[in-house]
PDB file of N, CA and C in Angstrom:
ATOM      1  N   ILE A   1      -6.411 -17.353  38.282  1.00  0.00           N
ATOM      2  CA  ILE A   1      -6.756 -16.199  37.846  1.00  0.00           C
ATOM      3  C   ILE A   1      -7.196 -15.191  38.832  1.00  0.00           C
ATOM      4  N   LYS A   2      -6.470 -13.899  38.681  1.00  0.00           N
ATOM      5  CA  LYS A   2      -6.651 -12.894  39.702  1.00  0.00           C
ATOM      6  C   LYS A   2      -7.612 -12.022  39.057  1.00  0.00           C
ATOM      7  N   LEU A   3      -8.693 -11.549  39.537  1.00  0.00           N
ATOM      8  CA  LEU A   3      -9.892 -10.702  39.056  1.00  0.00           C
ATOM      9  C   LEU A   3      -9.533  -9.340  39.481  1.00  0.00           C
ATOM     10  N   LYS A   4      -9.763  -8.675  38.471  1.00  0.00           N
ATOM     11  CA  LYS A   4      -9.497  -7.110  38.423  1.00  0.00           C
ATOM     12  C   LYS A   4     -10.845  -6.423  38.892  1.00  0.00           C
ATOM     13  N   GLU A   5     -10.706  -5.233  39.696  1.00  0.00           N
ATOM     14  CA  GLU A   5     -11.868  -4.695  39.887  1.00  0.00           C
ATOM     15  C   GLU A   5     -12.235  -3.751  38.648  1.00  0.00           C
ATOM     16  N   CYS A   6     -13.507  -3.383  38.560  1.00  0.00           N
ATOM     17  CA  CYS A   6     -14.234  -2.531  37.594  1.00  0.00           C
ATOM     18  C   CYS A   6     -13.525  -1.141  37.562  1.00  0.00           C
ATOM     19  N   THR A   7     -13.074  -0.555  36.458  1.00  0.00           N
ATOM     20  CA  THR A   7     -12.282   0.627  36.504  1.00  0.00           C
ATOM     21  C   THR A   7     -13.259   1.856  36.039  1.00  0.00           C
ATOM     22  N   ASP A   8     -14.545   1.584  35.609  1.00  0.00           N
ATOM     23  CA  ASP A   8     -15.546   2.576  35.069  1.00  0.00           C
ATOM     24  C   ASP A   8     -15.946   3.494  36.123  1.00  0.00           C
ATOM     25  N   GLY A   9     -15.969   3.148  37.478  1.00  0.00           N
ATOM     26  CA  GLY A   9     -16.662   3.976  38.373  1.00  0.00           C
ATOM     27  C   GLY A   9     -15.927   3.694  39.755  1.00  0.00           C
ATOM     28  N   ASP A  10     -16.493   4.321  40.775  1.00  0.00           N
ATOM     29  CA  ASP A  10     -15.875   4.239  42.064  1.00  0.00           C
ATOM     30  C   ASP A  10     -16.469   2.843  42.731  1.00  0.00           C
ATOM     31  N   GLY A  11     -17.494   2.382  42.263  1.00  0.00           N
ATOM     32  CA  GLY A  11     -18.023   0.985  43.074  1.00  0.00           C
ATOM     33  C   GLY A  11     -17.080  -0.034  42.928  1.00  0.00           C
ATOM     34  N   ASP A  12     -16.973  -0.994  43.817  1.00  0.00           N
ATOM     35  CA  ASP A  12     -16.379  -2.014  43.801  1.00  0.00           C
ATOM     36  C   ASP A  12     -17.432  -3.367  43.808  1.00  0.00           C
ATOM     37  N   LEU A  13     -18.228  -3.397  42.990  1.00  0.00           N
ATOM     38  CA  LEU A  13     -19.402  -4.280  43.079  1.00  0.00           C
ATOM     39  C   LEU A  13     -18.989  -5.457  42.042  1.00  0.00           C
ATOM     40  N   VAL A  14     -18.332  -5.199  41.037  1.00  0.00           N
ATOM     41  CA  VAL A  14     -18.078  -6.166  39.936  1.00  0.00           C
ATOM     42  C   VAL A  14     -16.472  -6.163  39.699  1.00  0.00           C
ATOM     43  N   ARG A  15     -16.016  -7.605  39.513  1.00  0.00           N
ATOM     44  CA  ARG A  15     -14.728  -7.976  39.025  1.00  0.00           C
ATOM     45  C   ARG A  15     -14.583  -8.718  37.696  1.00  0.00           C
ATOM     46  N   TYR A  16     -13.439  -8.314  36.927  1.00  0.00           N
ATOM     47  CA  TYR A  16     -13.339  -9.105  35.725  1.00  0.00           C
ATOM     48  C   TYR A  16     -12.029  -9.648  35.700  1.00  0.00           C
ATOM     49  N   CYS A  17     -12.106 -10.701  34.679  1.00  0.00           N
ATOM     50  CA  CYS A  17     -10.864 -11.428  34.388  1.00  0.00           C
ATOM     51  C   CYS A  17      -9.900 -10.761  33.272  1.00  0.00           C
ATOM     52  N   SER A  18     -10.585  -9.639  32.623  1.00  0.00           N
ATOM     53  CA  SER A  18      -9.675  -9.112  31.371  1.00  0.00           C
ATOM     54  C   SER A  18     -10.565  -7.882  31.162  1.00  0.00           C
ATOM     55  N   GLY A  19      -9.836  -6.960  30.417  1.00  0.00           N
ATOM     56  CA  GLY A  19     -10.516  -5.697  29.883  1.00  0.00           C
ATOM     57  C   GLY A  19     -11.508  -6.155  28.905  1.00  0.00           C
ATOM     58  N   ALA A  20     -11.242  -7.156  28.124  1.00  0.00           N
ATOM     59  CA  ALA A  20     -12.248  -7.545  27.104  1.00  0.00           C
ATOM     60  C   ALA A  20     -13.620  -8.053  27.805  1.00  0.00           C
ATOM     61  N   CYS A  21     -13.421  -8.681  28.777  1.00  0.00           N
ATOM     62  CA  CYS A  21     -14.768  -9.236  29.477  1.00  0.00           C
ATOM     63  C   CYS A  21     -15.331  -8.127  30.135  1.00  0.00           C
ATOM     64  N   GLN A  22     -14.705  -7.025  30.579  1.00  0.00           N
ATOM     65  CA  GLN A  22     -15.251  -5.855  31.164  1.00  0.00           C
ATOM     66  C   GLN A  22     -16.167  -5.077  30.184  1.00  0.00           C
ATOM     67  N   ARG A  23     -15.471  -4.881  28.983  1.00  0.00           N
ATOM     68  CA  ARG A  23     -16.239  -4.334  27.903  1.00  0.00           C
ATOM     69  C   ARG A  23     -17.486  -4.980  27.424  1.00  0.00           C
ATOM     70  N   ASP A  24     -17.402  -6.328  27.484  1.00  0.00           N
ATOM     71  CA  ASP A  24     -18.583  -7.075  27.073  1.00  0.00           C
ATOM     72  C   ASP A  24     -19.552  -6.917  27.909  1.00  0.00           C
ATOM     73  N   HIS A  25     -19.260  -6.932  29.399  1.00  0.00           N
ATOM     74  CA  HIS A  25     -20.464  -6.789  30.236  1.00  0.00           C
ATOM     75  C   HIS A  25     -20.746  -5.695  31.020  1.00  0.00           C
ATOM     76  N   LYS A  26     -20.101  -4.321  30.415  1.00  0.00           N
ATOM     77  CA  LYS A  26     -20.316  -3.236  31.182  1.00  0.00           C
ATOM     78  C   LYS A  26     -21.687  -2.815  31.152  1.00  0.00           C
ATOM     79  N   SER A  27     -22.530  -3.176  30.181  1.00  0.00           N
ATOM     80  CA  SER A  27     -24.022  -2.752  29.994  1.00  0.00           C
ATOM     81  C   SER A  27     -24.856  -3.356  31.342  1.00  0.00           C
ATOM     82  N   HIS A  28     -24.247  -4.580  31.633  1.00  0.00           N
ATOM     83  CA  HIS A  28     -25.118  -5.276  32.580  1.00  0.00           C
ATOM     84  C   HIS A  28     -24.888  -4.571  34.221  1.00  0.00           C
ATOM     85  N   HIS A  29     -23.804  -3.984  34.154  1.00  0.00           N
ATOM     86  CA  HIS A  29     -23.671  -3.276  35.573  1.00  0.00           C
ATOM     87  C   HIS A  29     -23.431  -1.851  35.655  1.00  0.00           C
ATOM     88  N   GLU A  30     -23.458  -1.163  34.670  1.00  0.00           N
ATOM     89  CA  GLU A  30     -23.130   0.246  34.509  1.00  0.00           C
ATOM     90  C   GLU A  30     -24.003   1.184  35.479  1.00  0.00           C
ATOM     91  N   GLU A  31     -25.456   0.842  35.412  1.00  0.00           N
ATOM     92  CA  GLU A  31     -26.229   1.547  36.503  1.00  0.00           C
ATOM     93  C   GLU A  31     -25.970   1.107  37.934  1.00  0.00           C
ATOM     94  N   ALA A  32     -25.780  -0.027  38.185  1.00  0.00           N
ATOM     95  CA  ALA A  32     -25.538  -0.350  39.538  1.00  0.00           C
ATOM     96  C   ALA A  32     -24.145   0.319  40.096  1.00  0.00           C
ATOM     97  N   CYS A  33     -23.011   0.372  39.207  1.00  0.00           N
ATOM     98  CA  CYS A  33     -21.901   1.102  39.434  1.00  0.00           C
ATOM     99  C   CYS A  33     -22.136   2.551  39.618  1.00  0.00           C
ATOM    100  N   LYS A  34     -22.844   3.160  38.969  1.00  0.00           N
ATOM    101  CA  LYS A  34     -23.084   4.584  38.959  1.00  0.00           C
ATOM    102  C   LYS A  34     -23.853   4.971  40.383  1.00  0.00           C
ATOM    103  N   ILE A  35     -24.926   3.948  40.844  1.00  0.00           N
ATOM    104  CA  ILE A  35     -25.521   4.257  42.144  1.00  0.00           C
ATOM    105  C   ILE A  35     -24.618   4.024  43.188  1.00  0.00           C
ATOM    106  N   ARG A  36     -23.601   3.034  43.280  1.00  0.00           N
ATOM    107  CA  ARG A  36     -22.702   2.896  44.208  1.00  0.00           C
ATOM    108  C   ARG A  36     -21.845   3.719  44.120  1.00  0.00           C
ATOM    109  N   ALA A  37     -21.313   4.516  43.210  1.00  0.00           N
ATOM    110  CA  ALA A  37     -20.297   5.619  43.272  1.00  0.00           C
ATOM    111  C   ALA A  37     -21.221   6.793  43.975  1.00  0.00           C
ATOM    112  N   ALA A  38     -22.166   7.033  43.621  1.00  0.00           N
ATOM    113  CA  ALA A  38     -23.025   8.217  44.299  1.00  0.00           C
ATOM    114  C   ALA A  38     -23.049   7.933  45.593  1.00  0.00           C
ATOM    115  N   GLU A  39     -23.292   6.780  46.286  1.00  0.00           N
ATOM    116  CA  GLU A  39     -23.539   6.287  47.711  1.00  0.00           C
ATOM    117  C   GLU A  39     -22.335   6.690  48.372  1.00  0.00           C
ATOM    118  N   LEU A  40     -21.100   6.287  47.872  1.00  0.00           N
ATOM    119  CA  LEU A  40     -19.629   6.353  48.188  1.00  0.00           C
ATOM    120  C   LEU A  40     -19.382   7.894  48.401  1.00  0.00           C
ATOM    121  N   ARG A  41     -19.718   8.773  47.398  1.00  0.00           N
ATOM    122  CA  ARG A  41     -19.638  10.281  47.422  1.00  0.00           C
ATOM    123  C   ARG A  41     -20.395  10.634  48.464  1.00  0.00           C
ATOM    124  N   ASP A  42     -21.570  10.284  48.664  1.00  0.00           N
ATOM    125  CA  ASP A  42     -22.464  10.958  49.832  1.00  0.00           C
ATOM    126  C   ASP A  42     -22.051  10.586  51.198  1.00  0.00           C
ATOM    127  N   GLU A  43     -21.608   9.386  51.417  1.00  0.00           N
ATOM    128  CA  GLU A  43     -20.779   8.982  52.564  1.00  0.00           C
ATOM    129  C   GLU A  43     -19.659   9.771  53.033  1.00  0.00           C
ATOM    130  N   ILE A  44     -18.919  10.086  52.043  1.00  0.00           N
ATOM    131  CA  ILE A  44     -17.629  10.980  52.216  1.00  0.00           C
ATOM    132  C   ILE A  44     -18.326  12.402  52.562  1.00  0.00           C
ATOM    133  N   LEU A  45     -19.283  13.109  51.791  1.00  0.00           N
ATOM    134  CA  LEU A  45     -19.614  14.206  51.733  1.00  0.00           C
ATOM    135  C   LEU A  45     -20.398  14.582  53.311  1.00  0.00           C
ATOM    136  N   PHE A  46     -21.223  13.668  53.710  1.00  0.00           N
ATOM    137  CA  PHE A  46     -21.961  13.795  54.972  1.00  0.00           C
ATOM    138  C   PHE A  46     -21.589  13.221  56.085  1.00  0.00           C
ATOM    139  N   GLN A  47     -20.177  12.889  55.972  1.00  0.00           N
ATOM    140  CA  GLN A  47     -19.761  12.268  57.213  1.00  0.00           C
ATOM    141  C   GLN A  47     -19.427  13.272  58.242  1.00  0.00           C
ATOM    142  N   GLN A  48     -19.687  13.215  59.507  1.00  0.00           N
ATOM    143  CA  GLN A  48     -19.393  14.030  60.485  1.00  0.00           C
ATOM    144  C   GLN A  48     -18.090  13.999  60.967  1.00  0.00           C
ATOM    145  N   PRO A  49     -17.437  15.318  60.863  1.00  0.00           N
ATOM    146  CA  PRO A  49     -15.958  15.429  61.519  1.00  0.00           C
ATOM    147  C   PRO A  49     -15.760  15.080  63.041  1.00  0.00           C
ATOM    148  N   GLU A  50     -14.558  14.663  63.175  1.00  0.00           N
ATOM    149  CA  GLU A  50     -14.424  14.285  64.554  1.00  0.00           C
ATOM    150  C   GLU A  50     -14.221  15.426  65.508  1.00  0.00           C
ATOM    151  N   SER A  51     -14.662  15.528  66.687  1.00  0.00           N
ATOM    152  CA  SER A  51     -14.480  16.561  67.564  1.00  0.00           C
ATOM    153  C   SER A  51     -13.067  16.700  67.953  1.00  0.00           C
ATOM    154  N   ASN A  52     -12.751  17.838  68.652  1.00  0.00           N
ATOM    155  CA  ASN A  52     -11.433  18.234  68.903  1.00  0.00           C
ATOM    156  C   ASN A  52     -11.507  18.808  70.429  1.00  0.00           C
ATOM    157  N   HIS A  53     -10.386  19.197  70.982  1.00  0.00           N
ATOM    158  CA  HIS A  53     -10.337  19.845  72.409  1.00  0.00           C
ATOM    159  C   HIS A  53     -11.076  21.322  72.453  1.00  0.00           C
ATOM    160  N   LEU A  54     -11.222  21.926  71.298  1.00  0.00           N
ATOM    161  CA  LEU A  54     -12.136  23.153  71.268  1.00  0.00           C
ATOM    162  C   LEU A  54     -13.421  22.949  71.517  1.00  0.00           C
ATOM    163  N   GLY A  55     -13.918  21.733  71.253  1.00  0.00           N
ATOM    164  CA  GLY A  55     -15.491  21.572  71.421  1.00  0.00           C
ATOM    165  C   GLY A  55     -16.225  21.952  70.031  1.00  0.00           C
ATOM    166  N   GLU A  56     -17.473  22.452  70.242  1.00  0.00           N
ATOM    167  CA  GLU A  56     -18.187  22.833  69.202  1.00  0.00           C
ATOM    168  C   GLU A  56     -18.680  24.121  69.229  1.00  0.00           C
ATOM    169  N   CYS A  57     -19.136  24.801  68.144  1.00  0.00           N
ATOM    170  CA  CYS A  57     -19.682  26.210  67.951  1.00  0.00           C
ATOM    171  C   CYS A  57     -20.954  26.184  68.777  1.00  0.00           C
ATOM    172  N   PRO A  58     -21.277  27.140  69.638  1.00  0.00           N
ATOM    173  CA  PRO A  58     -22.357  27.335  70.510  1.00  0.00           C
ATOM    174  C   PRO A  58     -23.555  27.726  69.586  1.00  0.00           C
ATOM    175  N   ILE A  59     -23.206  28.126  68.477  1.00  0.00           N
ATOM    176  CA  ILE A  59     -24.428  28.576  67.586  1.00  0.00           C
ATOM    177  C   ILE A  59     -24.802  27.400  66.587  1.00  0.00           C
ATOM    178  N   CYS A  60     -24.015  26.706  65.806  1.00  0.00           N
ATOM    179  CA  CYS A  60     -24.254  25.724  64.941  1.00  0.00           C
ATOM    180  C   CYS A  60     -24.138  24.424  65.491  1.00  0.00           C
ATOM    181  N   MET A  61     -23.353  24.258  66.571  1.00  0.00           N
ATOM    182  CA  MET A  61     -23.181  22.930  67.175  1.00  0.00           C
ATOM    183  C   MET A  61     -22.289  21.951  66.299  1.00  0.00           C
ATOM    184  N   LEU A  62     -21.518  22.442  65.318  1.00  0.00           N
ATOM    185  CA  LEU A  62     -20.437  21.814  64.651  1.00  0.00           C
ATOM    186  C   LEU A  62     -19.201  21.916  65.366  1.00  0.00           C
ATOM    187  N   PRO A  63     -18.122  20.895  65.208  1.00  0.00           N
ATOM    188  CA  PRO A  63     -16.911  20.904  65.731  1.00  0.00           C
ATOM    189  C   PRO A  63     -16.124  22.157  65.305  1.00  0.00           C
ATOM    190  N   LEU A  64     -15.563  22.749  66.184  1.00  0.00           N
ATOM    191  CA  LEU A  64     -14.532  23.848  65.700  1.00  0.00           C
ATOM    192  C   LEU A  64     -13.294  23.520  65.036  1.00  0.00           C
ATOM    193  N   SER A  65     -13.003  24.116  63.958  1.00  0.00           N
ATOM    194  CA  SER A  65     -11.686  23.963  63.331  1.00  0.00           C
ATOM    195  C   SER A  65     -10.687  24.343  64.169  1.00  0.00           C
ATOM    196  N   LEU A  66      -9.463  23.712  63.996  1.00  0.00           N
ATOM    197  CA  LEU A  66      -8.276  23.971  64.806  1.00  0.00           C
ATOM    198  C   LEU A  66      -7.689  25.253  64.452  1.00  0.00           C
ATOM    199  N   ASP A  67      -7.978  25.644  62.960  1.00  0.00           N
ATOM    200  CA  ASP A  67      -7.227  26.828  62.610  1.00  0.00           C
ATOM    201  C   ASP A  67      -8.195  28.157  62.373  1.00  0.00           C
ATOM    202  N   LEU A  68      -9.399  27.889  62.298  1.00  0.00           N
ATOM    203  CA  LEU A  68     -10.432  28.918  62.032  1.00  0.00           C
ATOM    204  C   LEU A  68     -11.471  29.052  63.148  1.00  0.00           C
ATOM    205  N   LYS A  69     -11.202  30.048  64.130  1.00  0.00           N
ATOM    206  CA  LYS A  69     -12.232  30.373  64.913  1.00  0.00           C
ATOM    207  C   LYS A  69     -12.103  31.813  65.425  1.00  0.00           C
ATOM    208  N   ILE A  70     -13.257  32.183  66.116  1.00  0.00           N
ATOM    209  CA  ILE A  70     -13.454  33.706  66.384  1.00  0.00           C
ATOM    210  C   ILE A  70     -13.753  33.694  67.806  1.00  0.00           C
ATOM    211  N   VAL A  71     -13.105  34.495  68.573  1.00  0.00           N
ATOM    212  CA  VAL A  71     -13.271  34.614  70.045  1.00  0.00           C
ATOM    213  C   VAL A  71     -14.316  35.746  70.330  1.00  0.00           C
ATOM    214  N   LEU A  72     -15.393  35.550  71.133  1.00  0.00           N
ATOM    215  CA  LEU A  72     -16.270  36.712  71.551  1.00  0.00           C
ATOM    216  C   LEU A  72     -15.486  37.269  72.695  1.00  0.00           C
ATOM    217  N   ILE A  73     -15.372  38.589  72.413  1.00  0.00           N
ATOM    218  CA  ILE A  73     -14.636  39.286  73.487  1.00  0.00           C
ATOM    219  C   ILE A  73     -15.208  39.385  75.011  1.00  0.00           C
ATOM    220  N   CYS A  74     -16.325  39.531  75.082  1.00  0.00           N
ATOM    221  CA  CYS A  74     -17.164  39.712  76.225  1.00  0.00           C
ATOM    222  C   CYS A  74     -17.031  38.566  77.125  1.00  0.00           C
ATOM    223  N   CYS A  75     -17.105  37.264  76.569  1.00  0.00           N
ATOM    224  CA  CYS A  75     -17.255  35.863  77.423  1.00  0.00           C
ATOM    225  C   CYS A  75     -16.202  35.031  76.996  1.00  0.00           C
ATOM    226  N   GLY A  76     -15.457  35.381  76.075  1.00  0.00           N
ATOM    227  CA  GLY A  76     -14.259  34.339  75.609  1.00  0.00           C
ATOM    228  C   GLY A  76     -14.905  33.170  74.929  1.00  0.00           C
ATOM    229  N   LYS A  77     -15.917  33.022  74.435  1.00  0.00           N
ATOM    230  CA  LYS A  77     -16.477  31.932  73.946  1.00  0.00           C
ATOM    231  C   LYS A  77     -16.079  31.708  72.368  1.00  0.00           C
ATOM    232  N   LEU A  78     -15.675  30.447  71.982  1.00  0.00           N
ATOM    233  CA  LEU A  78     -15.100  30.373  70.550  1.00  0.00           C
ATOM    234  C   LEU A  78     -16.508  30.131  69.564  1.00  0.00           C
ATOM    235  N   ILE A  79     -16.679  30.846  68.477  1.00  0.00           N
ATOM    236  CA  ILE A  79     -17.603  30.491  67.415  1.00  0.00           C
ATOM    237  C   ILE A  79     -16.747  30.245  66.182  1.00  0.00           C
ATOM    238  N   CYS A  80     -17.343  29.487  65.230  1.00  0.00           N
ATOM    239  CA  CYS A  80     -16.772  29.229  63.857  1.00  0.00           C
ATOM    240  C   CYS A  80     -16.634  30.516  62.990  1.00  0.00           C
ATOM    241  N   ASN A  81     -15.949  30.339  61.990  1.00  0.00           N
ATOM    242  CA  ASN A  81     -15.659  31.416  60.951  1.00  0.00           C
ATOM    243  C   ASN A  81     -17.121  31.561  60.289  1.00  0.00           C
ATOM    244  N   GLY A  82     -17.835  30.482  59.977  1.00  0.00           N
ATOM    245  CA  GLY A  82     -19.000  30.464  59.199  1.00  0.00           C
ATOM    246  C   GLY A  82     -20.018  31.283  60.010  1.00  0.00           C
ATOM    247  N   CYS A  83     -20.173  30.836  61.326  1.00  0.00           N
ATOM    248  CA  CYS A  83     -21.163  31.659  62.100  1.00  0.00           C
ATOM    249  C   CYS A  83     -21.004  33.218  62.350  1.00  0.00           C
ATOM    250  N   ALA A  84     -19.563  33.411  62.467  1.00  0.00           N
ATOM    251  CA  ALA A  84     -19.151  34.846  62.574  1.00  0.00           C
ATOM    252  C   ALA A  84     -19.210  35.677  61.186  1.00  0.00           C
ATOM    253  N   HIS A  85     -19.122  34.935  60.040  1.00  0.00           N
ATOM    254  CA  HIS A  85     -19.239  35.776  58.911  1.00  0.00           C
ATOM    255  C   HIS A  85     -20.738  36.020  58.760  1.00  0.00           C
ATOM    256  N   ALA A  86     -21.673  34.847  58.886  1.00  0.00           N
ATOM    257  CA  ALA A  86     -23.068  34.951  58.744  1.00  0.00           C
ATOM    258  C   ALA A  86     -23.609  36.085  59.565  1.00  0.00           C
ATOM    259  N   ASN A  87     -22.990  36.136  60.995  1.00  0.00           N
ATOM    260  CA  ASN A  87     -23.413  37.177  61.928  1.00  0.00           C
ATOM    261  C   ASN A  87     -22.992  38.595  61.250  1.00  0.00           C
ATOM    262  N   GLN A  88     -21.790  38.723  60.764  1.00  0.00           N
ATOM    263  CA  GLN A  88     -21.357  39.911  60.153  1.00  0.00           C
ATOM    264  C   GLN A  88     -22.275  40.503  58.870  1.00  0.00           C
ATOM    265  N   VAL A  89     -22.733  39.481  58.056  1.00  0.00           N
ATOM    266  CA  VAL A  89     -23.654  39.878  56.916  1.00  0.00           C
ATOM    267  C   VAL A  89     -24.942  40.281  57.488  1.00  0.00           C
ATOM    268  N   ARG A  90     -25.647  39.697  58.524  1.00  0.00           N
ATOM    269  CA  ARG A  90     -26.679  39.889  59.122  1.00  0.00           C
ATOM    270  C   ARG A  90     -26.642  41.220  59.827  1.00  0.00           C
ATOM    271  N   GLU A  91     -25.568  41.480  60.382  1.00  0.00           N
ATOM    272  CA  GLU A  91     -25.464  42.817  61.032  1.00  0.00           C
ATOM    273  C   GLU A  91     -25.555  44.190  60.100  1.00  0.00           C
ATOM    274  N   GLU A  92     -24.694  43.888  59.123  1.00  0.00           N
ATOM    275  CA  GLU A  92     -24.550  44.886  57.859  1.00  0.00           C
ATOM    276  C   GLU A  92     -25.893  45.061  57.285  1.00  0.00           C
ATOM    277  N   GLU A  93     -26.640  43.969  57.101  1.00  0.00           N
ATOM    278  CA  GLU A  93     -28.035  44.098  56.374  1.00  0.00           C
ATOM    279  C   GLU A  93     -29.200  44.761  57.334  1.00  0.00           C
ATOM    280  N   ALA A  94     -29.190  44.078  58.599  1.00  0.00           N
ATOM    281  CA  ALA A  94     -30.384  44.439  59.344  1.00  0.00           C
ATOM    282  C   ALA A  94     -30.068  44.593  60.925  1.00  0.00           C
ATOM    283  N   SER A  95     -28.748  44.640  61.242  1.00  0.00           N
ATOM    284  CA  SER A  95     -28.333  44.716  62.651  1.00  0.00           C
ATOM    285  C   SER A  95     -29.204  43.650  63.650  1.00  0.00           C
ATOM    286  N   LEU A  96     -28.831  42.318  63.134  1.00  0.00           N
ATOM    287  CA  LEU A  96     -29.646  41.182  63.960  1.00  0.00           C
ATOM    288  C   LEU A  96     -28.600  40.604  64.652  1.00  0.00           C
ATOM    289  N   ASP A  97     -29.044  40.121  65.829  1.00  0.00           N
ATOM    290  CA  ASP A  97     -28.223  38.981  66.668  1.00  0.00           C
ATOM    291  C   ASP A  97     -28.099  37.866  66.170  1.00  0.00           C
ATOM    292  N   PRO A  98     -26.825  36.892  66.356  1.00  0.00           N
ATOM    293  CA  PRO A  98     -26.917  35.670  65.740  1.00  0.00           C
ATOM    294  C   PRO A  98     -27.724  34.493  66.417  1.00  0.00           C
ATOM    295  N   PHE A  99     -28.010  34.987  67.711  1.00  0.00           N
ATOM    296  CA  PHE A  99     -28.803  33.854  68.564  1.00  0.00           C
ATOM    297  C   PHE A  99     -30.258  33.997  68.508  1.00  0.00           C
ATOM    298  N   TYR A 100     -30.848  35.226  68.379  1.00  0.00           N
ATOM    299  CA  TYR A 100     -32.206  35.563  68.448  1.00  0.00           C
ATOM    300  C   TYR A 100     -32.740  35.861  67.128  1.00  0.00           C
ATOM    301  N   ARG A 101     -32.120  36.433  65.978  1.00  0.00           N
ATOM    302  CA  ARG A 101     -32.437  36.526  64.822  1.00  0.00           C
ATOM    303  C   ARG A 101     -33.455  38.019  64.822  1.00  0.00           C
ATOM    304  N   LYS A 102     -33.075  38.757  65.801  1.00  0.00           N
ATOM    305  CA  LYS A 102     -33.892  39.909  65.959  1.00  0.00           C
ATOM    306  C   LYS A 102     -32.981  41.164  66.036  1.00  0.00           C
ATOM    307  N   PRO A 103     -33.304  42.364  66.425  1.00  0.00           N
ATOM    308  CA  PRO A 103     -32.271  43.541  66.703  1.00  0.00           C
ATOM    309  C   PRO A 103     -31.487  42.948  68.011  1.00  0.00           C
ATOM    310  N   ALA A 104     -30.247  43.437  67.535  1.00  0.00           N
ATOM    311  CA  ALA A 104     -29.328  43.094  68.602  1.00  0.00           C
ATOM    312  C   ALA A 104     -29.667  43.430  70.036  1.00  0.00           C
ATOM    313  N   PRO A 105     -29.568  42.663  71.034  1.00  0.00           N
ATOM    314  CA  PRO A 105     -29.679  43.158  72.549  1.00  0.00           C
ATOM    315  C   PRO A 105     -28.249  43.878  73.002  1.00  0.00           C
ATOM    316  N   SER A 106     -28.374  44.299  74.153  1.00  0.00           N
ATOM    317  CA  SER A 106     -27.359  45.007  74.760  1.00  0.00           C
ATOM    318  C   SER A 106     -26.380  44.146  75.638  1.00  0.00           C
ATOM    319  N   ARG A 107     -26.775  42.826  75.685  1.00  0.00           N
ATOM    320  CA  ARG A 107     -26.095  41.846  76.411  1.00  0.00           C
ATOM    321  C   ARG A 107     -25.669  40.881  75.574  1.00  0.00           C
ATOM    322  N   CYS A 108     -24.650  40.180  75.861  1.00  0.00           N
ATOM    323  CA  CYS A 108     -24.141  38.837  75.192  1.00  0.00           C
ATOM    324  C   CYS A 108     -25.142  37.675  75.548  1.00  0.00           C
ATOM    325  N   PRO A 109     -25.559  36.962  74.402  1.00  0.00           N
ATOM    326  CA  PRO A 109     -26.497  35.846  74.538  1.00  0.00           C
ATOM    327  C   PRO A 109     -26.030  34.522  75.456  1.00  0.00           C
ATOM    328  N   ILE A 110     -24.577  34.442  75.562  1.00  0.00           N
ATOM    329  CA  ILE A 110     -23.880  33.445  76.244  1.00  0.00           C
ATOM    330  C   ILE A 110     -23.734  33.825  77.533  1.00  0.00           C
ATOM    331  N   CYS A 111     -23.060  34.925  77.844  1.00  0.00           N
ATOM    332  CA  CYS A 111     -22.774  35.298  79.254  1.00  0.00           C
ATOM    333  C   CYS A 111     -23.515  36.399  79.811  1.00  0.00           C
ATOM    334  N   GLN A 112     -24.502  36.919  79.153  1.00  0.00           N
ATOM    335  CA  GLN A 112     -25.187  37.919  79.585  1.00  0.00           C
ATOM    336  C   GLN A 112     -24.583  39.244  80.022  1.00  0.00           C
ATOM    337  N   GLU A 113     -23.220  39.352  79.625  1.00  0.00           N
ATOM    338  CA  GLU A 113     -22.531  40.575  80.117  1.00  0.00           C
ATOM    339  C   GLU A 113     -22.906  41.742  79.109  1.00  0.00           C
ATOM    340  N   SER A 114     -22.791  42.959  79.594  1.00  0.00           N
ATOM    341  CA  SER A 114     -23.117  44.078  78.807  1.00  0.00           C
ATOM    342  C   SER A 114     -22.079  44.163  77.816  1.00  0.00           C
ATOM    343  N   LEU A 115     -22.656  44.512  76.487  1.00  0.00           N
ATOM    344  CA  LEU A 115     -21.931  44.616  75.252  1.00  0.00           C
ATOM    345  C   LEU A 115     -21.419  46.201  75.404  1.00  0.00           C
ATOM    346  N   LYS A 116     -20.197  46.311  75.695  1.00  0.00           N
ATOM    347  CA  LYS A 116     -19.843  47.825  75.899  1.00  0.00           C
ATOM    348  C   LYS A 116     -18.796  47.993  74.654  1.00  0.00           C
ATOM    349  N   PHE A 117     -18.574  47.119  73.861  1.00  0.00           N
ATOM    350  CA  PHE A 117     -17.439  47.550  73.015  1.00  0.00           C
ATOM    351  C   PHE A 117     -18.029  48.111  71.521  1.00  0.00           C
ATOM    352  N   THR A 118     -17.384  48.934  71.047  1.00  0.00           N
ATOM    353  CA  THR A 118     -17.717  49.516  69.682  1.00  0.00           C
ATOM    354  C   THR A 118     -17.182  48.608  68.555  1.00  0.00           C
ATOM    355  N   PRO A 119     -17.483  48.795  67.441  1.00  0.00           N
ATOM    356  CA  PRO A 119     -17.010  47.836  66.373  1.00  0.00           C
ATOM    357  C   PRO A 119     -15.503  48.218  66.168  1.00  0.00           C
ATOM    358  N   ASP A 120     -15.108  49.490  66.282  1.00  0.00           N
ATOM    359  CA  ASP A 120     -13.717  49.804  65.982  1.00  0.00           C
ATOM    360  C   ASP A 120     -12.842  49.045  67.193  1.00  0.00           C
ATOM    361  N   GLU A 121     -13.327  49.169  68.567  1.00  0.00           N
ATOM    362  CA  GLU A 121     -12.740  48.574  69.673  1.00  0.00           C
ATOM    363  C   GLU A 121     -12.541  47.004  69.291  1.00  0.00           C
ATOM    364  N   LEU A 122     -13.653  46.334  68.766  1.00  0.00           N
ATOM    365  CA  LEU A 122     -13.475  44.957  68.570  1.00  0.00           C
ATOM    366  C   LEU A 122     -12.521  44.724  67.401  1.00  0.00           C
ATOM    367  N   GLU A 123     -12.280  45.545  66.603  1.00  0.00           N
ATOM    368  CA  GLU A 123     -11.281  45.165  65.451  1.00  0.00           C
ATOM    369  C   GLU A 123      -9.927  45.153  65.998  1.00  0.00           C
ATOM    370  N   LYS A 124      -9.605  45.954  67.181  1.00  0.00           N
ATOM    371  CA  LYS A 124      -8.297  46.022  67.602  1.00  0.00           C
ATOM    372  C   LYS A 124      -7.925  44.772  68.285  1.00  0.00           C
ATOM    373  N   PHE A 125      -8.842  43.990  68.595  1.00  0.00           N
ATOM    374  CA  PHE A 125      -8.469  42.616  69.334  1.00  0.00           C
ATOM    375  C   PHE A 125      -8.219  41.555  68.260  1.00  0.00           C
TER     376      PHE A 125
END
């Protein structure tokens, strides 16, 4: 007899010989299957992505995506779209720097080069 996996959840904890047997014993393992399904979802959700040749964002330290990245004009560093968006929102609200969380300095926090670009000049790049 080939045993079939339980089809009621993502868990692979229980196997049955027939659908009737599964229905009869579902109440005995239903809670365990729900817990295992939640564990499997958490494993997928919190799994760290693999790194790539671009390295990681210097702000959030997550691996950079191959298709979504922002280049800092002054020093050529790459930051992720999430950090760039968060910085843009902060600048619009309170003119804050993404590294220091205080009013933006006149130098780049990575390369210390003077920030001499206006927002209009940055949009051209």
